[in-house]
Amino acid sequence: MVLKNVFKNNEKWIKDKLANNANYFEDLRHGQTPEFLYIGCSDSRVDAEGLMGLELGQVFVHRNIANMVPNTDLNVMSVVDYAVDHLKVNHVVVCGHYGCGGVKAAMQSADLGLLNPWLRNIRDVYRIHADELNAIEDENERYNKLIELNVQEQCVNLIKTSAVQKAIRNREMQVHGWVFDIHTGKLIDLKIDFDAILQNIRQIYHLD
């Protein structure tokens, strides 16, 4: 049973950390100055700090089903506001992953009860990019493309917010769209042209 090993694992983790740095927990006690805000999926196979090779205190993390950033969700908007305005992170990352169950569920014509309103956000991404997606004959390739486009649209949702717009304008904070390939362990930078996106949406979403 995994549960009975949790506290033993914790003791070993403490010893390992102190063996590498005797002041590890003393340093953590003094507060956090993370470089990144990471918005990722709640999938148990994805480890935010681990896949970037970073330590506690270096990444402010928010996770939900399918790494969504709906502007009407108070939880994610509070995280964005705190990380950008108060912690002054320099990079905001939306990281999706291949094999995402939330995106897969959104591709199905099924009533999933309480999940319906959440998955509707992903289905809206499909609607926006329907021509591109429907032109992909292979279902798995279409699935992977929707995962990538969902990351892009969540980045767009970030750019719509006043906190992110001000941070980009005032201190050149950067937004990134990544995908984690669970088959290889690789992080893939989608290299989204955020300057072009910001210019395209500025007329409607620009906030002084």
N, C-alpha and C. Protein backbone atom coordinates (compact mmCIF):
# COMPACT_ATOMS: atom_id res chain seq x y z
N MET A 1 0.84 -1.19 0.00
CA MET A 1 0.00 0.00 0.00
C MET A 1 0.88 1.25 0.00
N VAL A 2 0.61 2.17 -0.93
CA VAL A 2 1.43 3.36 -1.08
C VAL A 2 1.30 4.28 0.12
N LEU A 3 0.10 4.42 0.67
CA LEU A 3 -0.16 5.39 1.74
C LEU A 3 0.76 5.22 2.94
N LYS A 4 1.01 3.97 3.35
CA LYS A 4 1.82 3.75 4.55
C LYS A 4 3.28 4.17 4.36
N ASN A 5 3.69 4.35 3.10
CA ASN A 5 5.07 4.74 2.84
C ASN A 5 5.27 6.24 2.73
N VAL A 6 4.17 7.00 2.72
CA VAL A 6 4.27 8.44 2.46
C VAL A 6 5.16 9.14 3.48
N PHE A 7 4.96 8.88 4.76
CA PHE A 7 5.72 9.61 5.78
C PHE A 7 7.16 9.12 5.86
N LYS A 8 7.38 7.84 5.53
CA LYS A 8 8.76 7.35 5.44
C LYS A 8 9.48 8.01 4.27
N ASN A 9 8.75 8.15 3.16
CA ASN A 9 9.32 8.82 1.98
C ASN A 9 9.65 10.27 2.31
N ASN A 10 8.77 10.91 3.11
CA ASN A 10 8.99 12.29 3.49
C ASN A 10 10.27 12.43 4.32
N GLU A 11 10.50 11.51 5.24
CA GLU A 11 11.71 11.54 6.06
C GLU A 11 12.96 11.39 5.20
N LYS A 12 12.90 10.49 4.23
CA LYS A 12 14.04 10.31 3.34
C LYS A 12 14.27 11.55 2.49
N TRP A 13 13.18 12.17 2.03
CA TRP A 13 13.27 13.38 1.21
C TRP A 13 13.95 14.50 2.00
N ILE A 14 13.57 14.65 3.29
CA ILE A 14 14.18 15.67 4.14
C ILE A 14 15.69 15.42 4.28
N LYS A 15 16.06 14.18 4.53
CA LYS A 15 17.48 13.84 4.68
C LYS A 15 18.26 14.13 3.40
N ASP A 16 17.66 13.80 2.27
CA ASP A 16 18.33 14.03 0.99
C ASP A 16 18.54 15.52 0.74
N LYS A 17 17.51 16.32 1.04
CA LYS A 17 17.63 17.76 0.83
C LYS A 17 18.70 18.36 1.74
N LEU A 18 18.70 17.96 3.01
CA LEU A 18 19.66 18.50 3.96
C LEU A 18 21.08 18.03 3.65
N ALA A 19 21.19 16.85 3.06
CA ALA A 19 22.52 16.35 2.69
C ALA A 19 23.14 17.21 1.61
N ASN A 20 22.31 17.75 0.72
CA ASN A 20 22.80 18.60 -0.37
C ASN A 20 22.94 20.06 0.05
N ASN A 21 22.08 20.47 1.01
CA ASN A 21 22.10 21.86 1.45
C ASN A 21 21.56 21.91 2.88
N ALA A 22 22.46 22.12 3.82
CA ALA A 22 22.06 22.11 5.24
C ALA A 22 21.07 23.22 5.57
N ASN A 23 21.01 24.26 4.73
CA ASN A 23 20.11 25.40 4.99
C ASN A 23 18.86 25.37 4.10
N TYR A 24 18.59 24.21 3.49
CA TYR A 24 17.51 24.13 2.51
C TYR A 24 16.18 24.66 3.06
N PHE A 25 15.76 24.16 4.19
CA PHE A 25 14.45 24.56 4.74
C PHE A 25 14.50 25.93 5.39
N GLU A 26 15.65 26.32 5.88
CA GLU A 26 15.81 27.67 6.40
C GLU A 26 15.65 28.68 5.27
N ASP A 27 16.19 28.35 4.10
CA ASP A 27 16.04 29.22 2.93
C ASP A 27 14.59 29.33 2.51
N LEU A 28 13.87 28.21 2.53
CA LEU A 28 12.45 28.22 2.14
C LEU A 28 11.63 29.08 3.10
N ARG A 29 12.03 29.09 4.36
CA ARG A 29 11.27 29.82 5.38
C ARG A 29 11.23 31.32 5.11
N HIS A 30 12.22 31.82 4.39
CA HIS A 30 12.32 33.27 4.17
C HIS A 30 11.41 33.78 3.06
N GLY A 31 10.63 32.90 2.43
CA GLY A 31 9.68 33.34 1.41
C GLY A 31 10.02 32.81 0.03
N GLN A 32 9.23 33.23 -0.93
CA GLN A 32 9.39 32.73 -2.29
C GLN A 32 9.59 33.87 -3.27
N THR A 33 10.45 33.63 -4.25
CA THR A 33 10.65 34.57 -5.36
C THR A 33 10.71 33.76 -6.65
N PRO A 34 9.60 33.13 -7.03
CA PRO A 34 9.62 32.27 -8.21
C PRO A 34 9.81 33.06 -9.50
N GLU A 35 10.51 32.45 -10.42
CA GLU A 35 10.73 33.03 -11.74
C GLU A 35 9.54 32.75 -12.66
N PHE A 36 8.85 31.64 -12.40
CA PHE A 36 7.80 31.16 -13.29
C PHE A 36 6.45 31.07 -12.59
N LEU A 37 5.39 31.37 -13.33
CA LEU A 37 4.04 30.89 -13.02
C LEU A 37 3.77 29.79 -14.03
N TYR A 38 3.50 28.59 -13.53
CA TYR A 38 3.23 27.42 -14.37
C TYR A 38 1.76 27.06 -14.24
N ILE A 39 1.04 27.09 -15.35
CA ILE A 39 -0.36 26.67 -15.38
C ILE A 39 -0.42 25.38 -16.18
N GLY A 40 -0.71 24.29 -15.49
CA GLY A 40 -0.67 22.98 -16.14
C GLY A 40 -1.89 22.14 -15.81
N CYS A 41 -1.86 20.93 -16.32
CA CYS A 41 -2.95 19.98 -16.12
C CYS A 41 -2.79 19.27 -14.78
N SER A 42 -3.90 18.85 -14.22
CA SER A 42 -3.87 18.12 -12.95
C SER A 42 -3.45 16.66 -13.11
N ASP A 43 -3.21 16.23 -14.32
CA ASP A 43 -2.83 14.84 -14.59
C ASP A 43 -1.67 14.41 -13.69
N SER A 44 -1.81 13.25 -13.05
CA SER A 44 -0.82 12.78 -12.08
C SER A 44 0.51 12.39 -12.72
N ARG A 45 0.55 12.30 -14.05
CA ARG A 45 1.80 11.93 -14.73
C ARG A 45 2.69 13.13 -15.03
N VAL A 46 2.20 14.33 -14.72
CA VAL A 46 2.93 15.55 -15.06
C VAL A 46 3.40 16.24 -13.78
N ASP A 47 4.70 16.45 -13.66
CA ASP A 47 5.33 17.04 -12.48
C ASP A 47 5.93 18.38 -12.88
N ALA A 48 5.34 19.47 -12.42
CA ALA A 48 5.73 20.80 -12.89
C ALA A 48 7.21 21.09 -12.65
N GLU A 49 7.65 21.04 -11.39
CA GLU A 49 9.04 21.35 -11.09
C GLU A 49 9.99 20.32 -11.69
N GLY A 50 9.59 19.05 -11.58
CA GLY A 50 10.47 17.97 -12.03
C GLY A 50 10.79 18.01 -13.50
N LEU A 51 9.79 18.27 -14.34
CA LEU A 51 10.04 18.23 -15.78
C LEU A 51 10.86 19.41 -16.25
N MET A 52 10.92 20.49 -15.43
CA MET A 52 11.77 21.64 -15.75
C MET A 52 13.11 21.58 -15.03
N GLY A 53 13.29 20.58 -14.16
CA GLY A 53 14.53 20.46 -13.41
C GLY A 53 14.71 21.57 -12.40
N LEU A 54 13.61 22.06 -11.82
CA LEU A 54 13.66 23.16 -10.86
C LEU A 54 13.28 22.68 -9.47
N GLU A 55 13.51 23.54 -8.48
CA GLU A 55 13.30 23.19 -7.08
C GLU A 55 12.11 23.94 -6.50
N LEU A 56 11.72 23.55 -5.29
CA LEU A 56 10.70 24.29 -4.57
C LEU A 56 11.11 25.75 -4.44
N GLY A 57 10.16 26.64 -4.61
CA GLY A 57 10.44 28.06 -4.51
C GLY A 57 10.73 28.73 -5.84
N GLN A 58 10.93 27.94 -6.90
CA GLN A 58 11.26 28.51 -8.20
C GLN A 58 10.07 28.57 -9.15
N VAL A 59 8.99 27.88 -8.81
CA VAL A 59 7.83 27.83 -9.69
C VAL A 59 6.55 27.99 -8.87
N PHE A 60 5.73 28.96 -9.23
CA PHE A 60 4.39 29.10 -8.65
C PHE A 60 3.45 28.32 -9.55
N VAL A 61 2.69 27.38 -8.97
CA VAL A 61 1.99 26.39 -9.78
C VAL A 61 0.47 26.47 -9.60
N HIS A 62 -0.22 26.42 -10.72
CA HIS A 62 -1.68 26.25 -10.72
C HIS A 62 -2.00 25.10 -11.67
N ARG A 63 -2.84 24.17 -11.21
CA ARG A 63 -3.19 23.02 -12.05
C ARG A 63 -4.70 22.81 -12.04
N ASN A 64 -5.23 22.46 -13.18
CA ASN A 64 -6.63 22.09 -13.29
C ASN A 64 -6.79 21.14 -14.48
N ILE A 65 -7.98 20.68 -14.72
CA ILE A 65 -8.20 19.75 -15.83
C ILE A 65 -7.94 20.46 -17.15
N ALA A 66 -6.97 19.95 -17.91
CA ALA A 66 -6.65 20.43 -19.26
C ALA A 66 -6.05 21.83 -19.29
N ASN A 67 -5.36 22.22 -18.20
CA ASN A 67 -4.61 23.49 -18.16
C ASN A 67 -5.38 24.68 -18.74
N MET A 68 -6.56 24.90 -18.19
CA MET A 68 -7.44 25.95 -18.71
C MET A 68 -7.21 27.28 -17.99
N VAL A 69 -7.47 28.38 -18.73
CA VAL A 69 -7.39 29.73 -18.15
C VAL A 69 -8.65 30.51 -18.52
N PRO A 70 -9.82 30.03 -18.09
CA PRO A 70 -11.04 30.80 -18.36
C PRO A 70 -11.07 32.06 -17.50
N ASN A 71 -11.32 33.18 -18.13
CA ASN A 71 -11.28 34.45 -17.41
C ASN A 71 -12.40 34.59 -16.38
N THR A 72 -13.37 33.69 -16.43
CA THR A 72 -14.48 33.72 -15.46
C THR A 72 -14.20 32.84 -14.25
N ASP A 73 -13.07 32.13 -14.25
CA ASP A 73 -12.74 31.25 -13.14
C ASP A 73 -11.94 32.02 -12.09
N LEU A 74 -12.55 32.25 -10.93
CA LEU A 74 -11.93 33.06 -9.88
C LEU A 74 -10.63 32.44 -9.38
N ASN A 75 -10.56 31.13 -9.36
CA ASN A 75 -9.37 30.44 -8.87
C ASN A 75 -8.15 30.78 -9.72
N VAL A 76 -8.23 30.49 -11.00
CA VAL A 76 -7.07 30.73 -11.86
C VAL A 76 -6.76 32.22 -12.00
N MET A 77 -7.79 33.07 -12.03
CA MET A 77 -7.54 34.50 -12.14
C MET A 77 -6.87 35.06 -10.88
N SER A 78 -7.20 34.50 -9.71
CA SER A 78 -6.54 34.92 -8.47
C SER A 78 -5.07 34.51 -8.48
N VAL A 79 -4.80 33.31 -9.00
CA VAL A 79 -3.42 32.84 -9.11
C VAL A 79 -2.62 33.74 -10.03
N VAL A 80 -3.19 34.06 -11.18
CA VAL A 80 -2.51 34.93 -12.15
C VAL A 80 -2.23 36.29 -11.53
N ASP A 81 -3.23 36.87 -10.90
CA ASP A 81 -3.06 38.19 -10.30
C ASP A 81 -1.97 38.18 -9.22
N TYR A 82 -1.99 37.18 -8.36
CA TYR A 82 -1.01 37.12 -7.28
C TYR A 82 0.40 36.90 -7.82
N ALA A 83 0.54 35.97 -8.77
CA ALA A 83 1.86 35.65 -9.32
C ALA A 83 2.44 36.83 -10.10
N VAL A 84 1.60 37.49 -10.89
CA VAL A 84 2.08 38.55 -11.78
C VAL A 84 2.25 39.87 -11.02
N ASP A 85 1.25 40.27 -10.24
CA ASP A 85 1.28 41.58 -9.58
C ASP A 85 2.07 41.60 -8.28
N HIS A 86 2.07 40.48 -7.54
CA HIS A 86 2.69 40.47 -6.22
C HIS A 86 4.02 39.72 -6.19
N LEU A 87 4.07 38.54 -6.82
CA LEU A 87 5.34 37.81 -6.85
C LEU A 87 6.25 38.30 -7.96
N LYS A 88 5.69 39.03 -8.93
CA LYS A 88 6.46 39.60 -10.04
C LYS A 88 7.22 38.54 -10.84
N VAL A 89 6.53 37.44 -11.16
CA VAL A 89 7.17 36.43 -12.00
C VAL A 89 7.55 37.03 -13.35
N ASN A 90 8.59 36.50 -13.94
CA ASN A 90 9.04 37.00 -15.25
C ASN A 90 8.53 36.18 -16.41
N HIS A 91 8.03 34.97 -16.11
CA HIS A 91 7.54 34.10 -17.17
C HIS A 91 6.25 33.43 -16.72
N VAL A 92 5.25 33.45 -17.59
CA VAL A 92 4.01 32.70 -17.35
C VAL A 92 3.93 31.62 -18.41
N VAL A 93 3.80 30.37 -17.96
CA VAL A 93 3.80 29.22 -18.86
C VAL A 93 2.45 28.52 -18.79
N VAL A 94 1.84 28.28 -19.94
CA VAL A 94 0.73 27.33 -20.02
C VAL A 94 1.30 26.06 -20.63
N CYS A 95 1.23 24.97 -19.89
CA CYS A 95 1.83 23.72 -20.35
C CYS A 95 0.77 22.63 -20.45
N GLY A 96 0.46 22.21 -21.67
CA GLY A 96 -0.41 21.07 -21.88
C GLY A 96 0.42 19.81 -21.99
N HIS A 97 -0.23 18.70 -22.26
CA HIS A 97 0.52 17.45 -22.44
C HIS A 97 -0.24 16.53 -23.37
N TYR A 98 0.52 15.81 -24.19
CA TYR A 98 -0.09 14.80 -25.05
C TYR A 98 -0.67 13.69 -24.17
N GLY A 99 -1.78 13.15 -24.62
CA GLY A 99 -2.48 12.15 -23.83
C GLY A 99 -3.40 12.75 -22.78
N CYS A 100 -3.78 14.03 -22.96
CA CYS A 100 -4.62 14.72 -21.98
C CYS A 100 -6.06 14.18 -22.01
N GLY A 101 -6.49 13.65 -20.88
CA GLY A 101 -7.83 13.08 -20.80
C GLY A 101 -8.93 14.11 -20.92
N GLY A 102 -8.68 15.33 -20.42
CA GLY A 102 -9.69 16.38 -20.51
C GLY A 102 -9.96 16.77 -21.94
N VAL A 103 -8.90 16.93 -22.74
CA VAL A 103 -9.07 17.27 -24.15
C VAL A 103 -9.74 16.12 -24.89
N LYS A 104 -9.35 14.89 -24.57
CA LYS A 104 -9.96 13.72 -25.20
C LYS A 104 -11.45 13.67 -24.92
N ALA A 105 -11.82 13.94 -23.66
CA ALA A 105 -13.24 13.92 -23.29
C ALA A 105 -14.02 14.99 -24.04
N ALA A 106 -13.40 16.15 -24.25
CA ALA A 106 -14.07 17.24 -24.95
C ALA A 106 -14.31 16.92 -26.41
N MET A 107 -13.56 15.97 -26.96
CA MET A 107 -13.72 15.58 -28.36
C MET A 107 -14.87 14.60 -28.55
N GLN A 108 -15.40 14.07 -27.45
CA GLN A 108 -16.47 13.08 -27.54
C GLN A 108 -17.84 13.75 -27.48
N SER A 109 -18.79 13.17 -28.17
CA SER A 109 -20.18 13.64 -28.10
C SER A 109 -20.88 12.90 -26.97
N ALA A 110 -20.64 13.35 -25.75
CA ALA A 110 -21.18 12.65 -24.59
C ALA A 110 -21.52 13.65 -23.50
N ASP A 111 -22.57 13.32 -22.74
CA ASP A 111 -22.96 14.13 -21.60
C ASP A 111 -22.14 13.67 -20.40
N LEU A 112 -21.26 14.53 -19.91
CA LEU A 112 -20.36 14.17 -18.81
C LEU A 112 -20.72 14.90 -17.52
N GLY A 113 -21.98 15.31 -17.43
CA GLY A 113 -22.49 15.87 -16.19
C GLY A 113 -21.79 17.13 -15.75
N LEU A 114 -21.25 17.13 -14.53
CA LEU A 114 -20.63 18.31 -13.95
C LEU A 114 -19.45 18.82 -14.78
N LEU A 115 -18.82 17.93 -15.54
CA LEU A 115 -17.68 18.32 -16.36
C LEU A 115 -18.09 19.14 -17.59
N ASN A 116 -19.36 19.08 -17.95
CA ASN A 116 -19.80 19.74 -19.20
C ASN A 116 -19.41 21.22 -19.29
N PRO A 117 -19.68 22.05 -18.26
CA PRO A 117 -19.31 23.47 -18.39
C PRO A 117 -17.81 23.69 -18.55
N TRP A 118 -17.01 22.86 -17.88
CA TRP A 118 -15.56 23.01 -17.98
C TRP A 118 -15.07 22.60 -19.37
N LEU A 119 -15.57 21.44 -19.83
CA LEU A 119 -15.13 20.94 -21.13
C LEU A 119 -15.65 21.81 -22.27
N ARG A 120 -16.70 22.57 -22.02
CA ARG A 120 -17.23 23.46 -23.06
C ARG A 120 -16.16 24.47 -23.50
N ASN A 121 -15.29 24.85 -22.59
CA ASN A 121 -14.20 25.77 -22.94
C ASN A 121 -13.27 25.15 -23.99
N ILE A 122 -13.01 23.85 -23.86
CA ILE A 122 -12.16 23.16 -24.84
C ILE A 122 -12.93 22.98 -26.14
N ARG A 123 -14.21 22.68 -26.03
CA ARG A 123 -15.02 22.53 -27.25
C ARG A 123 -15.10 23.85 -28.00
N ASP A 124 -15.06 24.96 -27.29
CA ASP A 124 -15.01 26.27 -27.95
C ASP A 124 -13.71 26.43 -28.73
N VAL A 125 -12.61 25.90 -28.19
CA VAL A 125 -11.34 25.93 -28.92
C VAL A 125 -11.48 25.15 -30.22
N TYR A 126 -12.14 24.00 -30.14
CA TYR A 126 -12.36 23.20 -31.36
C TYR A 126 -13.21 24.00 -32.36
N ARG A 127 -14.24 24.66 -31.87
CA ARG A 127 -15.11 25.44 -32.76
C ARG A 127 -14.33 26.54 -33.47
N ILE A 128 -13.46 27.23 -32.72
CA ILE A 128 -12.68 28.32 -33.31
C ILE A 128 -11.75 27.82 -34.41
N HIS A 129 -11.22 26.61 -34.21
CA HIS A 129 -10.24 26.06 -35.15
C HIS A 129 -10.79 24.86 -35.91
N ALA A 130 -12.11 24.81 -36.08
CA ALA A 130 -12.75 23.63 -36.67
C ALA A 130 -12.25 23.31 -38.06
N ASP A 131 -12.06 24.30 -38.91
CA ASP A 131 -11.61 24.04 -40.28
C ASP A 131 -10.24 23.36 -40.28
N GLU A 132 -9.33 23.87 -39.47
CA GLU A 132 -7.99 23.29 -39.40
C GLU A 132 -8.03 21.88 -38.83
N LEU A 133 -8.79 21.68 -37.77
CA LEU A 133 -8.84 20.38 -37.12
C LEU A 133 -9.56 19.33 -37.98
N ASN A 134 -10.67 19.71 -38.59
CA ASN A 134 -11.43 18.75 -39.40
C ASN A 134 -10.68 18.33 -40.66
N ALA A 135 -9.70 19.12 -41.06
CA ALA A 135 -8.90 18.77 -42.23
C ALA A 135 -7.86 17.69 -41.91
N ILE A 136 -7.66 17.40 -40.62
CA ILE A 136 -6.70 16.36 -40.21
C ILE A 136 -7.44 15.02 -40.15
N GLU A 137 -7.08 14.11 -41.03
CA GLU A 137 -7.81 12.84 -41.13
C GLU A 137 -7.49 11.89 -39.99
N ASP A 138 -6.23 11.82 -39.59
CA ASP A 138 -5.83 10.90 -38.53
C ASP A 138 -6.34 11.41 -37.18
N GLU A 139 -7.11 10.59 -36.49
CA GLU A 139 -7.75 11.04 -35.25
C GLU A 139 -6.73 11.39 -34.17
N ASN A 140 -5.65 10.61 -34.07
CA ASN A 140 -4.66 10.88 -33.04
C ASN A 140 -3.92 12.19 -33.32
N GLU A 141 -3.63 12.45 -34.60
CA GLU A 141 -2.99 13.71 -34.96
C GLU A 141 -3.92 14.89 -34.68
N ARG A 142 -5.21 14.69 -34.94
CA ARG A 142 -6.19 15.75 -34.66
C ARG A 142 -6.26 16.01 -33.15
N TYR A 143 -6.21 14.95 -32.38
CA TYR A 143 -6.21 15.03 -30.91
C TYR A 143 -5.00 15.82 -30.42
N ASN A 144 -3.82 15.49 -30.93
CA ASN A 144 -2.61 16.20 -30.52
C ASN A 144 -2.66 17.67 -30.93
N LYS A 145 -3.22 17.93 -32.10
CA LYS A 145 -3.31 19.32 -32.57
C LYS A 145 -4.25 20.12 -31.68
N LEU A 146 -5.34 19.51 -31.25
CA LEU A 146 -6.27 20.21 -30.36
C LEU A 146 -5.59 20.51 -29.02
N ILE A 147 -4.77 19.60 -28.54
CA ILE A 147 -4.01 19.84 -27.31
C ILE A 147 -3.14 21.08 -27.47
N GLU A 148 -2.46 21.18 -28.62
CA GLU A 148 -1.59 22.34 -28.89
C GLU A 148 -2.40 23.62 -29.04
N LEU A 149 -3.50 23.55 -29.77
CA LEU A 149 -4.34 24.74 -29.96
C LEU A 149 -5.00 25.18 -28.66
N ASN A 150 -5.30 24.22 -27.80
CA ASN A 150 -5.87 24.57 -26.50
C ASN A 150 -4.85 25.36 -25.67
N VAL A 151 -3.58 24.95 -25.72
CA VAL A 151 -2.53 25.71 -25.03
C VAL A 151 -2.48 27.13 -25.58
N GLN A 152 -2.52 27.24 -26.90
CA GLN A 152 -2.46 28.56 -27.53
C GLN A 152 -3.62 29.44 -27.08
N GLU A 153 -4.82 28.90 -27.07
CA GLU A 153 -5.99 29.70 -26.70
C GLU A 153 -5.98 30.09 -25.22
N GLN A 154 -5.42 29.23 -24.38
CA GLN A 154 -5.32 29.59 -22.96
C GLN A 154 -4.29 30.71 -22.77
N CYS A 155 -3.25 30.70 -23.60
CA CYS A 155 -2.30 31.81 -23.58
C CYS A 155 -2.98 33.10 -24.03
N VAL A 156 -3.84 33.00 -25.02
CA VAL A 156 -4.61 34.16 -25.46
C VAL A 156 -5.48 34.67 -24.32
N ASN A 157 -6.10 33.75 -23.59
CA ASN A 157 -6.91 34.16 -22.43
C ASN A 157 -6.08 34.91 -21.40
N LEU A 158 -4.83 34.47 -21.21
CA LEU A 158 -3.93 35.19 -20.31
C LEU A 158 -3.69 36.61 -20.79
N ILE A 159 -3.42 36.74 -22.09
CA ILE A 159 -3.09 38.04 -22.66
C ILE A 159 -4.28 39.00 -22.61
N LYS A 160 -5.47 38.47 -22.48
CA LYS A 160 -6.66 39.32 -22.38
C LYS A 160 -6.75 40.02 -21.02
N THR A 161 -6.00 39.54 -20.03
CA THR A 161 -6.15 40.08 -18.67
C THR A 161 -5.31 41.34 -18.48
N SER A 162 -5.79 42.22 -17.63
CA SER A 162 -5.08 43.48 -17.39
C SER A 162 -3.74 43.25 -16.71
N ALA A 163 -3.67 42.30 -15.77
CA ALA A 163 -2.43 42.05 -15.05
C ALA A 163 -1.31 41.63 -16.00
N VAL A 164 -1.63 40.74 -16.92
CA VAL A 164 -0.61 40.26 -17.86
C VAL A 164 -0.25 41.35 -18.87
N GLN A 165 -1.25 42.08 -19.37
CA GLN A 165 -0.95 43.16 -20.31
C GLN A 165 -0.03 44.20 -19.68
N LYS A 166 -0.29 44.58 -18.45
CA LYS A 166 0.55 45.58 -17.79
C LYS A 166 1.96 45.06 -17.56
N ALA A 167 2.08 43.79 -17.17
CA ALA A 167 3.40 43.23 -16.91
C ALA A 167 4.22 43.10 -18.19
N ILE A 168 3.56 42.78 -19.29
CA ILE A 168 4.25 42.72 -20.58
C ILE A 168 4.72 44.11 -20.97
N ARG A 169 3.87 45.09 -20.78
CA ARG A 169 4.18 46.46 -21.19
C ARG A 169 5.22 47.11 -20.27
N ASN A 170 5.09 46.91 -18.95
CA ASN A 170 5.92 47.64 -18.00
C ASN A 170 7.26 46.97 -17.68
N ARG A 171 7.30 45.63 -17.72
CA ARG A 171 8.56 44.98 -17.36
C ARG A 171 8.91 43.80 -18.27
N GLU A 172 8.26 43.76 -19.44
CA GLU A 172 8.58 42.77 -20.47
C GLU A 172 8.46 41.33 -19.99
N MET A 173 7.48 41.07 -19.14
CA MET A 173 7.18 39.70 -18.76
C MET A 173 6.81 38.90 -20.00
N GLN A 174 7.13 37.63 -20.02
CA GLN A 174 6.88 36.81 -21.20
C GLN A 174 5.86 35.70 -20.91
N VAL A 175 5.06 35.40 -21.91
CA VAL A 175 4.10 34.30 -21.86
C VAL A 175 4.59 33.21 -22.79
N HIS A 176 4.47 31.95 -22.36
CA HIS A 176 4.96 30.82 -23.15
C HIS A 176 3.90 29.74 -23.24
N GLY A 177 3.84 29.07 -24.37
CA GLY A 177 2.98 27.92 -24.56
C GLY A 177 3.81 26.68 -24.83
N TRP A 178 3.72 25.70 -23.93
CA TRP A 178 4.51 24.48 -24.04
C TRP A 178 3.59 23.26 -24.05
N VAL A 179 4.14 22.15 -24.53
CA VAL A 179 3.48 20.85 -24.42
C VAL A 179 4.51 19.85 -23.89
N PHE A 180 4.09 19.04 -22.94
CA PHE A 180 4.93 17.96 -22.40
C PHE A 180 4.55 16.67 -23.10
N ASP A 181 5.54 16.04 -23.72
CA ASP A 181 5.32 14.77 -24.41
C ASP A 181 5.56 13.64 -23.42
N ILE A 182 4.50 13.02 -22.94
CA ILE A 182 4.64 11.97 -21.93
C ILE A 182 5.27 10.72 -22.50
N HIS A 183 5.35 10.61 -23.83
CA HIS A 183 5.96 9.43 -24.45
C HIS A 183 7.48 9.51 -24.46
N THR A 184 8.01 10.72 -24.43
CA THR A 184 9.47 10.90 -24.50
C THR A 184 10.03 11.67 -23.32
N GLY A 185 9.17 12.37 -22.56
CA GLY A 185 9.63 13.20 -21.46
C GLY A 185 10.06 14.58 -21.88
N LYS A 186 9.95 14.90 -23.17
CA LYS A 186 10.44 16.18 -23.67
C LYS A 186 9.41 17.30 -23.50
N LEU A 187 9.93 18.49 -23.18
CA LEU A 187 9.13 19.71 -23.20
C LEU A 187 9.25 20.32 -24.59
N ILE A 188 8.13 20.69 -25.17
CA ILE A 188 8.12 21.25 -26.52
C ILE A 188 7.60 22.68 -26.45
N ASP A 189 8.41 23.61 -26.92
CA ASP A 189 8.00 25.01 -27.01
C ASP A 189 7.22 25.19 -28.31
N LEU A 190 5.95 25.58 -28.20
CA LEU A 190 5.12 25.76 -29.39
C LEU A 190 5.49 27.02 -30.18
N LYS A 191 6.34 27.88 -29.60
CA LYS A 191 6.85 29.08 -30.27
C LYS A 191 5.71 29.92 -30.85
N ILE A 192 4.76 30.19 -29.99
CA ILE A 192 3.60 30.99 -30.38
C ILE A 192 4.01 32.45 -30.51
N ASP A 193 3.57 33.10 -31.57
CA ASP A 193 3.91 34.51 -31.82
C ASP A 193 2.94 35.39 -31.02
N PHE A 194 3.32 35.66 -29.77
CA PHE A 194 2.42 36.41 -28.89
C PHE A 194 2.33 37.88 -29.26
N ASP A 195 3.37 38.43 -29.86
CA ASP A 195 3.31 39.82 -30.31
C ASP A 195 2.21 39.98 -31.36
N ALA A 196 2.15 39.03 -32.28
CA ALA A 196 1.13 39.08 -33.32
C ALA A 196 -0.26 38.89 -32.73
N ILE A 197 -0.37 37.96 -31.78
CA ILE A 197 -1.67 37.73 -31.14
C ILE A 197 -2.13 38.98 -30.40
N LEU A 198 -1.22 39.60 -29.67
CA LEU A 198 -1.57 40.80 -28.92
C LEU A 198 -2.02 41.92 -29.85
N GLN A 199 -1.35 42.07 -30.97
CA GLN A 199 -1.73 43.09 -31.94
C GLN A 199 -3.12 42.80 -32.51
N ASN A 200 -3.40 41.52 -32.77
CA ASN A 200 -4.68 41.14 -33.37
C ASN A 200 -5.86 41.36 -32.43
N ILE A 201 -5.61 41.19 -31.13
CA ILE A 201 -6.73 41.30 -30.19
C ILE A 201 -6.76 42.64 -29.46
N ARG A 202 -5.74 43.48 -29.73
CA ARG A 202 -5.61 44.73 -28.99
C ARG A 202 -6.84 45.63 -29.12
N GLN A 203 -7.44 45.68 -30.30
CA GLN A 203 -8.56 46.58 -30.53
C GLN A 203 -9.72 46.29 -29.58
N ILE A 204 -9.91 45.01 -29.27
CA ILE A 204 -11.04 44.62 -28.42
C ILE A 204 -10.62 44.46 -26.97
N TYR A 205 -9.44 43.85 -26.73
CA TYR A 205 -9.09 43.46 -25.37
C TYR A 205 -8.04 44.35 -24.72
N HIS A 206 -7.59 45.39 -25.40
CA HIS A 206 -6.56 46.25 -24.80
C HIS A 206 -7.12 46.97 -23.57
N LEU A 207 -6.38 46.86 -22.47
CA LEU A 207 -6.78 47.49 -21.20
C LEU A 207 -5.68 48.43 -20.76
N ASP A 208 -5.97 49.71 -20.56
CA ASP A 208 -4.98 50.66 -20.11
C ASP A 208 -4.62 50.43 -18.64
